[in-house]
């Protein structure tokens, strides 16, 4: 049965001094995750705040174990890229 997994990544961008800084940082993260893992990525909240971000990463897979491996890899990659800027990561299953 197909499985849809979503991981939300909460970011705290203390070094960001403008929305332009933040957008550049978030776009770089989104592009990297899209290209490396073939997932859908979108900023879903805090668009008007300079130093916070909430990014959702979604994968659709033929089975849940495969989707779990993808989302775990996404979380590891985000942690490597962001370090302490990654405040929280939450995974949800839609089917």
PDB file of N, CA and C in Angstrom:
ATOM      1  N   UNK A   1       0.839  -1.177   0.000  1.00  0.00           N
ATOM      2  CA  UNK A   1       0.000   0.000   0.000  1.00  0.00           C
ATOM      3  C   UNK A   1       0.889   1.247   0.000  1.00  0.00           C
ATOM      4  N   UNK A   2       0.609   2.209  -0.866  1.00  0.00           N
ATOM      5  CA  UNK A   2       1.427   3.420  -0.895  1.00  0.00           C
ATOM      6  C   UNK A   2       1.428   4.145   0.448  1.00  0.00           C
ATOM      7  N   UNK A   3       2.547   4.771   0.727  1.00  0.00           N
ATOM      8  CA  UNK A   3       2.708   5.489   1.980  1.00  0.00           C
ATOM      9  C   UNK A   3       3.170   6.918   1.697  1.00  0.00           C
ATOM     10  N   UNK A   4       2.571   7.865   2.415  1.00  0.00           N
ATOM     11  CA  UNK A   4       2.938   9.275   2.288  1.00  0.00           C
ATOM     12  C   UNK A   4       3.498   9.735   3.626  1.00  0.00           C
ATOM     13  N   UNK A   5       4.737  10.162   3.611  1.00  0.00           N
ATOM     14  CA  UNK A   5       5.386  10.633   4.828  1.00  0.00           C
ATOM     15  C   UNK A   5       5.759  12.095   4.715  1.00  0.00           C
ATOM     16  N   UNK A   6       5.609  12.806   5.830  1.00  0.00           N
ATOM     17  CA  UNK A   6       5.936  14.231   5.886  1.00  0.00           C
ATOM     18  C   UNK A   6       6.848  14.464   7.081  1.00  0.00           C
ATOM     19  N   UNK A   7       7.950  15.128   6.841  1.00  0.00           N
ATOM     20  CA  UNK A   7       8.799  15.556   7.951  1.00  0.00           C
ATOM     21  C   UNK A   7       8.832  17.084   7.938  1.00  0.00           C
ATOM     22  N   UNK A   8       8.577  17.674   9.089  1.00  0.00           N
ATOM     23  CA  UNK A   8       8.648  19.123   9.203  1.00  0.00           C
ATOM     24  C   UNK A   8       9.925  19.488   9.948  1.00  0.00           C
ATOM     25  N   UNK A   9      10.623  20.444   9.410  1.00  0.00           N
ATOM     26  CA  UNK A   9      11.891  20.898   9.972  1.00  0.00           C
ATOM     27  C   UNK A   9      11.715  22.326  10.467  1.00  0.00           C
ATOM     28  N   UNK A  10      11.874  22.522  11.765  1.00  0.00           N
ATOM     29  CA  UNK A  10      11.769  23.868  12.326  1.00  0.00           C
ATOM     30  C   UNK A  10      13.165  24.458  12.433  1.00  0.00           C
ATOM     31  N   UNK A  11      13.323  25.665  11.883  1.00  0.00           N
ATOM     32  CA  UNK A  11      14.623  26.313  11.821  1.00  0.00           C
ATOM     33  C   UNK A  11      14.643  27.584  12.658  1.00  0.00           C
ATOM     34  N   UNK A  12      15.762  27.830  13.287  1.00  0.00           N
ATOM     35  CA  UNK A  12      15.996  29.103  13.979  1.00  0.00           C
ATOM     36  C   UNK A  12      17.244  29.710  13.343  1.00  0.00           C
ATOM     37  N   UNK A  13      17.051  30.784  12.597  1.00  0.00           N
ATOM     38  CA  UNK A  13      18.109  31.386  11.792  1.00  0.00           C
ATOM     39  C   UNK A  13      18.613  32.663  12.456  1.00  0.00           C
ATOM     40  N   UNK A  14      19.354  32.514  13.532  1.00  0.00           N
ATOM     41  CA  UNK A  14      19.828  33.669  14.302  1.00  0.00           C
ATOM     42  C   UNK A  14      20.708  34.606  13.492  1.00  0.00           C
ATOM     43  N   UNK A  15      21.416  34.089  12.492  1.00  0.00           N
ATOM     44  CA  UNK A  15      22.303  34.917  11.691  1.00  0.00           C
ATOM     45  C   UNK A  15      21.607  35.684  10.585  1.00  0.00           C
ATOM     46  N   UNK A  16      20.328  35.457  10.404  1.00  0.00           N
ATOM     47  CA  UNK A  16      19.578  36.132   9.356  1.00  0.00           C
ATOM     48  C   UNK A  16      19.211  37.542   9.812  1.00  0.00           C
ATOM     49  N   UNK A  17      19.467  38.526   8.938  1.00  0.00           N
ATOM     50  CA  UNK A  17      19.202  39.918   9.292  1.00  0.00           C
ATOM     51  C   UNK A  17      18.099  40.551   8.445  1.00  0.00           C
ATOM     52  N   UNK A  18      17.549  39.760   7.519  1.00  0.00           N
ATOM     53  CA  UNK A  18      16.471  40.266   6.672  1.00  0.00           C
ATOM     54  C   UNK A  18      15.723  39.078   6.073  1.00  0.00           C
ATOM     55  N   UNK A  19      14.569  39.355   5.497  1.00  0.00           N
ATOM     56  CA  UNK A  19      13.828  38.291   4.814  1.00  0.00           C
ATOM     57  C   UNK A  19      14.617  37.776   3.619  1.00  0.00           C
ATOM     58  N   UNK A  20      15.385  38.651   2.990  1.00  0.00           N
ATOM     59  CA  UNK A  20      16.208  38.231   1.857  1.00  0.00           C
ATOM     60  C   UNK A  20      17.250  37.202   2.303  1.00  0.00           C
ATOM     61  N   UNK A  21      17.906  37.435   3.430  1.00  0.00           N
ATOM     62  CA  UNK A  21      18.864  36.468   3.986  1.00  0.00           C
ATOM     63  C   UNK A  21      18.182  35.130   4.237  1.00  0.00           C
ATOM     64  N   UNK A  22      17.023  35.211   4.890  1.00  0.00           N
ATOM     65  CA  UNK A  22      16.302  33.989   5.232  1.00  0.00           C
ATOM     66  C   UNK A  22      15.892  33.229   3.976  1.00  0.00           C
ATOM     67  N   UNK A  23      15.327  33.922   2.991  1.00  0.00           N
ATOM     68  CA  UNK A  23      14.872  33.259   1.766  1.00  0.00           C
ATOM     69  C   UNK A  23      16.025  32.567   1.048  1.00  0.00           C
ATOM     70  N   UNK A  24      17.178  33.213   1.028  1.00  0.00           N
ATOM     71  CA  UNK A  24      18.358  32.607   0.401  1.00  0.00           C
ATOM     72  C   UNK A  24      18.737  31.307   1.115  1.00  0.00           C
ATOM     73  N   UNK A  25      18.744  31.343   2.419  1.00  0.00           N
ATOM     74  CA  UNK A  25      19.102  30.178   3.226  1.00  0.00           C
ATOM     75  C   UNK A  25      18.099  29.044   3.021  1.00  0.00           C
ATOM     76  N   UNK A  26      16.802  29.361   3.108  1.00  0.00           N
ATOM     77  CA  UNK A  26      15.754  28.348   2.972  1.00  0.00           C
ATOM     78  C   UNK A  26      15.745  27.784   1.550  1.00  0.00           C
ATOM     79  N   UNK A  27      15.921  28.630   0.544  1.00  0.00           N
ATOM     80  CA  UNK A  27      15.937  28.154  -0.841  1.00  0.00           C
ATOM     81  C   UNK A  27      17.085  27.180  -1.066  1.00  0.00           C
ATOM     82  N   UNK A  28      18.230  27.487  -0.505  1.00  0.00           N
ATOM     83  CA  UNK A  28      19.385  26.602  -0.626  1.00  0.00           C
ATOM     84  C   UNK A  28      19.089  25.226  -0.014  1.00  0.00           C
ATOM     85  N   UNK A  29      18.481  25.219   1.168  1.00  0.00           N
ATOM     86  CA  UNK A  29      18.110  23.961   1.823  1.00  0.00           C
ATOM     87  C   UNK A  29      17.104  23.187   0.972  1.00  0.00           C
ATOM     88  N   UNK A  30      16.068  23.867   0.500  1.00  0.00           N
ATOM     89  CA  UNK A  30      15.035  23.216  -0.307  1.00  0.00           C
ATOM     90  C   UNK A  30      15.622  22.612  -1.578  1.00  0.00           C
ATOM     91  N   UNK A  31      16.458  23.364  -2.272  1.00  0.00           N
ATOM     92  CA  UNK A  31      17.063  22.880  -3.508  1.00  0.00           C
ATOM     93  C   UNK A  31      17.938  21.654  -3.262  1.00  0.00           C
ATOM     94  N   UNK A  32      18.697  21.701  -2.192  1.00  0.00           N
ATOM     95  CA  UNK A  32      19.591  20.573  -1.875  1.00  0.00           C
ATOM     96  C   UNK A  32      18.801  19.303  -1.575  1.00  0.00           C
ATOM     97  N   UNK A  33      17.753  19.422  -0.747  1.00  0.00           N
ATOM     98  CA  UNK A  33      16.953  18.243  -0.396  1.00  0.00           C
ATOM     99  C   UNK A  33      16.204  17.695  -1.607  1.00  0.00           C
ATOM    100  N   UNK A  34      15.670  18.587  -2.437  1.00  0.00           N
ATOM    101  CA  UNK A  34      14.962  18.149  -3.655  1.00  0.00           C
ATOM    102  C   UNK A  34      15.885  17.359  -4.573  1.00  0.00           C
ATOM    103  N   UNK A  35      17.047  17.904  -4.823  1.00  0.00           N
ATOM    104  CA  UNK A  35      17.938  17.259  -5.785  1.00  0.00           C
ATOM    105  C   UNK A  35      18.540  15.963  -5.249  1.00  0.00           C
ATOM    106  N   UNK A  36      18.840  15.921  -3.982  1.00  0.00           N
ATOM    107  CA  UNK A  36      19.510  14.742  -3.420  1.00  0.00           C
ATOM    108  C   UNK A  36      18.557  13.576  -3.157  1.00  0.00           C
ATOM    109  N   UNK A  37      17.305  13.879  -2.762  1.00  0.00           N
ATOM    110  CA  UNK A  37      16.392  12.817  -2.328  1.00  0.00           C
ATOM    111  C   UNK A  37      15.127  12.686  -3.180  1.00  0.00           C
ATOM    112  N   UNK A  38      14.957  13.529  -4.186  1.00  0.00           N
ATOM    113  CA  UNK A  38      13.771  13.486  -5.049  1.00  0.00           C
ATOM    114  C   UNK A  38      12.486  13.558  -4.218  1.00  0.00           C
ATOM    115  N   UNK A  39      12.394  14.557  -3.374  1.00  0.00           N
ATOM    116  CA  UNK A  39      11.237  14.778  -2.505  1.00  0.00           C
ATOM    117  C   UNK A  39      10.629  16.145  -2.830  1.00  0.00           C
ATOM    118  N   UNK A  40       9.425  16.375  -2.350  1.00  0.00           N
ATOM    119  CA  UNK A  40       8.792  17.689  -2.462  1.00  0.00           C
ATOM    120  C   UNK A  40       9.095  18.473  -1.198  1.00  0.00           C
ATOM    121  N   UNK A  41       9.434  19.747  -1.366  1.00  0.00           N
ATOM    122  CA  UNK A  41       9.834  20.577  -0.234  1.00  0.00           C
ATOM    123  C   UNK A  41       9.155  21.945  -0.357  1.00  0.00           C
ATOM    124  N   UNK A  42       8.627  22.433   0.776  1.00  0.00           N
ATOM    125  CA  UNK A  42       8.006  23.756   0.780  1.00  0.00           C
ATOM    126  C   UNK A  42       8.170  24.408   2.146  1.00  0.00           C
ATOM    127  N   UNK A  43       8.323  25.723   2.132  1.00  0.00           N
ATOM    128  CA  UNK A  43       8.279  26.480   3.389  1.00  0.00           C
ATOM    129  C   UNK A  43       6.803  26.668   3.721  1.00  0.00           C
ATOM    130  N   UNK A  44       6.385  26.226   4.906  1.00  0.00           N
ATOM    131  CA  UNK A  44       4.954  26.207   5.205  1.00  0.00           C
ATOM    132  C   UNK A  44       4.511  27.172   6.296  1.00  0.00           C
ATOM    133  N   UNK A  45       5.435  27.819   6.979  1.00  0.00           N
ATOM    134  CA  UNK A  45       5.031  28.773   8.012  1.00  0.00           C
ATOM    135  C   UNK A  45       6.178  29.738   8.285  1.00  0.00           C
ATOM    136  N   UNK A  46       5.861  30.817   8.992  1.00  0.00           N
ATOM    137  CA  UNK A  46       6.811  31.852   9.407  1.00  0.00           C
ATOM    138  C   UNK A  46       7.443  32.574   8.205  1.00  0.00           C
ATOM    139  N   UNK A  47       6.721  32.668   7.089  1.00  0.00           N
ATOM    140  CA  UNK A  47       7.289  33.296   5.897  1.00  0.00           C
ATOM    141  C   UNK A  47       7.685  34.754   6.120  1.00  0.00           C
ATOM    142  N   UNK A  48       7.037  35.426   7.034  1.00  0.00           N
ATOM    143  CA  UNK A  48       7.321  36.849   7.241  1.00  0.00           C
ATOM    144  C   UNK A  48       8.259  37.117   8.428  1.00  0.00           C
ATOM    145  N   UNK A  49       8.763  36.062   9.055  1.00  0.00           N
ATOM    146  CA  UNK A  49       9.705  36.231  10.163  1.00  0.00           C
ATOM    147  C   UNK A  49      11.127  36.000   9.661  1.00  0.00           C
ATOM    148  N   UNK A  50      12.044  36.860  10.064  1.00  0.00           N
ATOM    149  CA  UNK A  50      13.415  36.775   9.597  1.00  0.00           C
ATOM    150  C   UNK A  50      14.175  35.582  10.138  1.00  0.00           C
ATOM    151  N   UNK A  51      13.912  35.230  11.392  1.00  0.00           N
ATOM    152  CA  UNK A  51      14.782  34.268  12.061  1.00  0.00           C
ATOM    153  C   UNK A  51      14.126  32.936  12.387  1.00  0.00           C
ATOM    154  N   UNK A  52      12.990  32.660  11.794  1.00  0.00           N
ATOM    155  CA  UNK A  52      12.337  31.360  11.986  1.00  0.00           C
ATOM    156  C   UNK A  52      11.881  30.827  10.644  1.00  0.00           C
ATOM    157  N   UNK A  53      11.845  29.517  10.541  1.00  0.00           N
ATOM    158  CA  UNK A  53      11.362  28.881   9.330  1.00  0.00           C
ATOM    159  C   UNK A  53      10.772  27.525   9.650  1.00  0.00           C
ATOM    160  N   UNK A  54       9.784  27.119   8.889  1.00  0.00           N
ATOM    161  CA  UNK A  54       9.205  25.790   9.011  1.00  0.00           C
ATOM    162  C   UNK A  54       9.105  25.221   7.607  1.00  0.00           C
ATOM    163  N   UNK A  55       9.833  24.157   7.366  1.00  0.00           N
ATOM    164  CA  UNK A  55       9.924  23.543   6.049  1.00  0.00           C
ATOM    165  C   UNK A  55       9.347  22.139   6.124  1.00  0.00           C
ATOM    166  N   UNK A  56       8.484  21.789   5.162  1.00  0.00           N
ATOM    167  CA  UNK A  56       7.919  20.442   5.090  1.00  0.00           C
ATOM    168  C   UNK A  56       8.549  19.706   3.911  1.00  0.00           C
ATOM    169  N   UNK A  57       8.880  18.446   4.157  1.00  0.00           N
ATOM    170  CA  UNK A  57       9.441  17.580   3.130  1.00  0.00           C
ATOM    171  C   UNK A  57       8.517  16.372   3.020  1.00  0.00           C
ATOM    172  N   UNK A  58       8.078  16.067   1.800  1.00  0.00           N
ATOM    173  CA  UNK A  58       7.098  14.992   1.589  1.00  0.00           C
ATOM    174  C   UNK A  58       7.660  13.968   0.617  1.00  0.00           C
ATOM    175  N   UNK A  59       7.399  12.693   0.930  1.00  0.00           N
ATOM    176  CA  UNK A  59       7.736  11.616   0.011  1.00  0.00           C
ATOM    177  C   UNK A  59       6.550  10.672  -0.117  1.00  0.00           C
ATOM    178  N   UNK A  60       6.389  10.128  -1.299  1.00  0.00           N
ATOM    179  CA  UNK A  60       5.379   9.103  -1.558  1.00  0.00           C
ATOM    180  C   UNK A  60       6.142   7.863  -1.998  1.00  0.00           C
ATOM    181  N   UNK A  61       5.822   6.754  -1.369  1.00  0.00           N
ATOM    182  CA  UNK A  61       6.578   5.534  -1.611  1.00  0.00           C
ATOM    183  C   UNK A  61       5.639   4.339  -1.683  1.00  0.00           C
ATOM    184  N   UNK A  62       6.059   3.265  -2.340  1.00  0.00           N
ATOM    185  CA  UNK A  62       5.217   2.073  -2.414  1.00  0.00           C
ATOM    186  C   UNK A  62       4.979   1.412  -1.053  1.00  0.00           C
ATOM    187  N   UNK A  63       5.901   1.636  -0.105  1.00  0.00           N
ATOM    188  CA  UNK A  63       5.717   1.047   1.228  1.00  0.00           C
ATOM    189  C   UNK A  63       6.321   1.966   2.291  1.00  0.00           C
ATOM    190  N   UNK A  64       5.861   1.807   3.526  1.00  0.00           N
ATOM    191  CA  UNK A  64       6.300   2.699   4.598  1.00  0.00           C
ATOM    192  C   UNK A  64       7.773   2.533   4.966  1.00  0.00           C
ATOM    193  N   UNK A  65       8.329   1.317   5.007  1.00  0.00           N
ATOM    194  CA  UNK A  65       9.756   1.223   5.349  1.00  0.00           C
ATOM    195  C   UNK A  65      10.658   2.016   4.389  1.00  0.00           C
ATOM    196  N   UNK A  66      10.328   1.989   3.120  1.00  0.00           N
ATOM    197  CA  UNK A  66      11.120   2.752   2.149  1.00  0.00           C
ATOM    198  C   UNK A  66      10.969   4.254   2.403  1.00  0.00           C
ATOM    199  N   UNK A  67       9.749   4.714   2.645  1.00  0.00           N
ATOM    200  CA  UNK A  67       9.506   6.129   2.943  1.00  0.00           C
ATOM    201  C   UNK A  67      10.232   6.541   4.222  1.00  0.00           C
ATOM    202  N   UNK A  68      10.243   5.663   5.225  1.00  0.00           N
ATOM    203  CA  UNK A  68      10.950   5.970   6.480  1.00  0.00           C
ATOM    204  C   UNK A  68      12.434   6.177   6.233  1.00  0.00           C
ATOM    205  N   UNK A  69      13.029   5.317   5.409  1.00  0.00           N
ATOM    206  CA  UNK A  69      14.463   5.462   5.109  1.00  0.00           C
ATOM    207  C   UNK A  69      14.742   6.800   4.420  1.00  0.00           C
ATOM    208  N   UNK A  70      13.872   7.179   3.502  1.00  0.00           N
ATOM    209  CA  UNK A  70      14.059   8.460   2.804  1.00  0.00           C
ATOM    210  C   UNK A  70      13.978   9.618   3.788  1.00  0.00           C
ATOM    211  N   UNK A  71      12.944   9.624   4.626  1.00  0.00           N
ATOM    212  CA  UNK A  71      12.769  10.741   5.563  1.00  0.00           C
ATOM    213  C   UNK A  71      13.865  10.779   6.627  1.00  0.00           C
ATOM    214  N   UNK A  72      14.357   9.627   7.043  1.00  0.00           N
ATOM    215  CA  UNK A  72      15.486   9.597   7.976  1.00  0.00           C
ATOM    216  C   UNK A  72      16.737  10.180   7.325  1.00  0.00           C
ATOM    217  N   UNK A  73      16.940   9.867   6.050  1.00  0.00           N
ATOM    218  CA  UNK A  73      18.078  10.428   5.320  1.00  0.00           C
ATOM    219  C   UNK A  73      17.945  11.939   5.168  1.00  0.00           C
ATOM    220  N   UNK A  74      16.723  12.399   4.907  1.00  0.00           N
ATOM    221  CA  UNK A  74      16.471  13.840   4.813  1.00  0.00           C
ATOM    222  C   UNK A  74      16.796  14.517   6.144  1.00  0.00           C
ATOM    223  N   UNK A  75      16.347  13.924   7.241  1.00  0.00           N
ATOM    224  CA  UNK A  75      16.615  14.506   8.557  1.00  0.00           C
ATOM    225  C   UNK A  75      18.114  14.558   8.851  1.00  0.00           C
ATOM    226  N   UNK A  76      18.837  13.489   8.524  1.00  0.00           N
ATOM    227  CA  UNK A  76      20.293  13.476   8.747  1.00  0.00           C
ATOM    228  C   UNK A  76      20.979  14.566   7.908  1.00  0.00           C
ATOM    229  N   UNK A  77      20.568  14.674   6.652  1.00  0.00           N
ATOM    230  CA  UNK A  77      21.166  15.679   5.776  1.00  0.00           C
ATOM    231  C   UNK A  77      20.887  17.093   6.292  1.00  0.00           C
ATOM    232  N   UNK A  78      19.656  17.335   6.721  1.00  0.00           N
ATOM    233  CA  UNK A  78      19.292  18.652   7.265  1.00  0.00           C
ATOM    234  C   UNK A  78      20.108  18.939   8.521  1.00  0.00           C
ATOM    235  N   UNK A  79      20.289  17.943   9.373  1.00  0.00           N
ATOM    236  CA  UNK A  79      21.074  18.133  10.596  1.00  0.00           C
ATOM    237  C   UNK A  79      22.534  18.448  10.263  1.00  0.00           C
ATOM    238  N   UNK A  80      23.079  17.782   9.239  1.00  0.00           N
ATOM    239  CA  UNK A  80      24.451  18.068   8.826  1.00  0.00           C
ATOM    240  C   UNK A  80      24.580  19.481   8.269  1.00  0.00           C
ATOM    241  N   UNK A  81      23.609  19.887   7.449  1.00  0.00           N
ATOM    242  CA  UNK A  81      23.650  21.215   6.838  1.00  0.00           C
ATOM    243  C   UNK A  81      23.406  22.328   7.844  1.00  0.00           C
ATOM    244  N   UNK A  82      22.447  22.103   8.745  1.00  0.00           N
ATOM    245  CA  UNK A  82      21.980  23.168   9.625  1.00  0.00           C
ATOM    246  C   UNK A  82      22.636  23.182  10.995  1.00  0.00           C
ATOM    247  N   UNK A  83      23.059  22.019  11.471  1.00  0.00           N
ATOM    248  CA  UNK A  83      23.630  21.938  12.808  1.00  0.00           C
ATOM    249  C   UNK A  83      22.639  22.440  13.847  1.00  0.00           C
ATOM    250  N   UNK A  84      23.069  23.360  14.718  1.00  0.00           N
ATOM    251  CA  UNK A  84      22.181  23.843  15.787  1.00  0.00           C
ATOM    252  C   UNK A  84      21.021  24.716  15.289  1.00  0.00           C
ATOM    253  N   UNK A  85      21.016  25.077  14.007  1.00  0.00           N
ATOM    254  CA  UNK A  85      19.906  25.869  13.467  1.00  0.00           C
ATOM    255  C   UNK A  85      18.641  25.030  13.294  1.00  0.00           C
ATOM    256  N   UNK A  86      18.806  23.705  13.269  1.00  0.00           N
ATOM    257  CA  UNK A  86      17.656  22.800  13.198  1.00  0.00           C
ATOM    258  C   UNK A  86      17.147  22.587  14.614  1.00  0.00           C
ATOM    259  N   UNK A  87      15.994  23.173  14.923  1.00  0.00           N
ATOM    260  CA  UNK A  87      15.452  23.141  16.272  1.00  0.00           C
ATOM    261  C   UNK A  87      14.650  21.874  16.531  1.00  0.00           C
ATOM    262  N   UNK A  88      13.895  21.432  15.514  1.00  0.00           N
ATOM    263  CA  UNK A  88      13.016  20.275  15.704  1.00  0.00           C
ATOM    264  C   UNK A  88      12.735  19.628  14.363  1.00  0.00           C
ATOM    265  N   UNK A  89      12.499  18.321  14.392  1.00  0.00           N
ATOM    266  CA  UNK A  89      12.088  17.572  13.209  1.00  0.00           C
ATOM    267  C   UNK A  89      10.994  16.610  13.649  1.00  0.00           C
ATOM    268  N   UNK A  90       9.848  16.676  12.962  1.00  0.00           N
ATOM    269  CA  UNK A  90       8.697  15.845  13.316  1.00  0.00           C
ATOM    270  C   UNK A  90       8.215  15.102  12.073  1.00  0.00           C
ATOM    271  N   UNK A  91       8.026  13.798  12.206  1.00  0.00           N
ATOM    272  CA  UNK A  91       7.553  12.988  11.083  1.00  0.00           C
ATOM    273  C   UNK A  91       6.101  12.575  11.318  1.00  0.00           C
ATOM    274  N   UNK A  92       5.318  12.659  10.243  1.00  0.00           N
ATOM    275  CA  UNK A  92       3.915  12.249  10.268  1.00  0.00           C
ATOM    276  C   UNK A  92       3.650  11.347   9.067  1.00  0.00           C
ATOM    277  N   UNK A  93       2.665  10.460   9.220  1.00  0.00           N
ATOM    278  CA  UNK A  93       2.264   9.552   8.147  1.00  0.00           C
ATOM    279  C   UNK A  93       0.823   9.849   7.767  1.00  0.00           C
ATOM    280  N   UNK A  94       0.594  10.041   6.470  1.00  0.00           N
ATOM    281  CA  UNK A  94      -0.737  10.370   5.994  1.00  0.00           C
ATOM    282  C   UNK A  94      -1.485   9.138   5.492  1.00  0.00           C
ATOM    283  N   UNK A  95      -0.778   8.088   5.182  1.00  0.00           N
ATOM    284  CA  UNK A  95      -1.457   6.838   4.803  1.00  0.00           C
ATOM    285  C   UNK A  95      -0.514   5.679   4.978  1.00  0.00           C
TER     286      UNK A  95
END
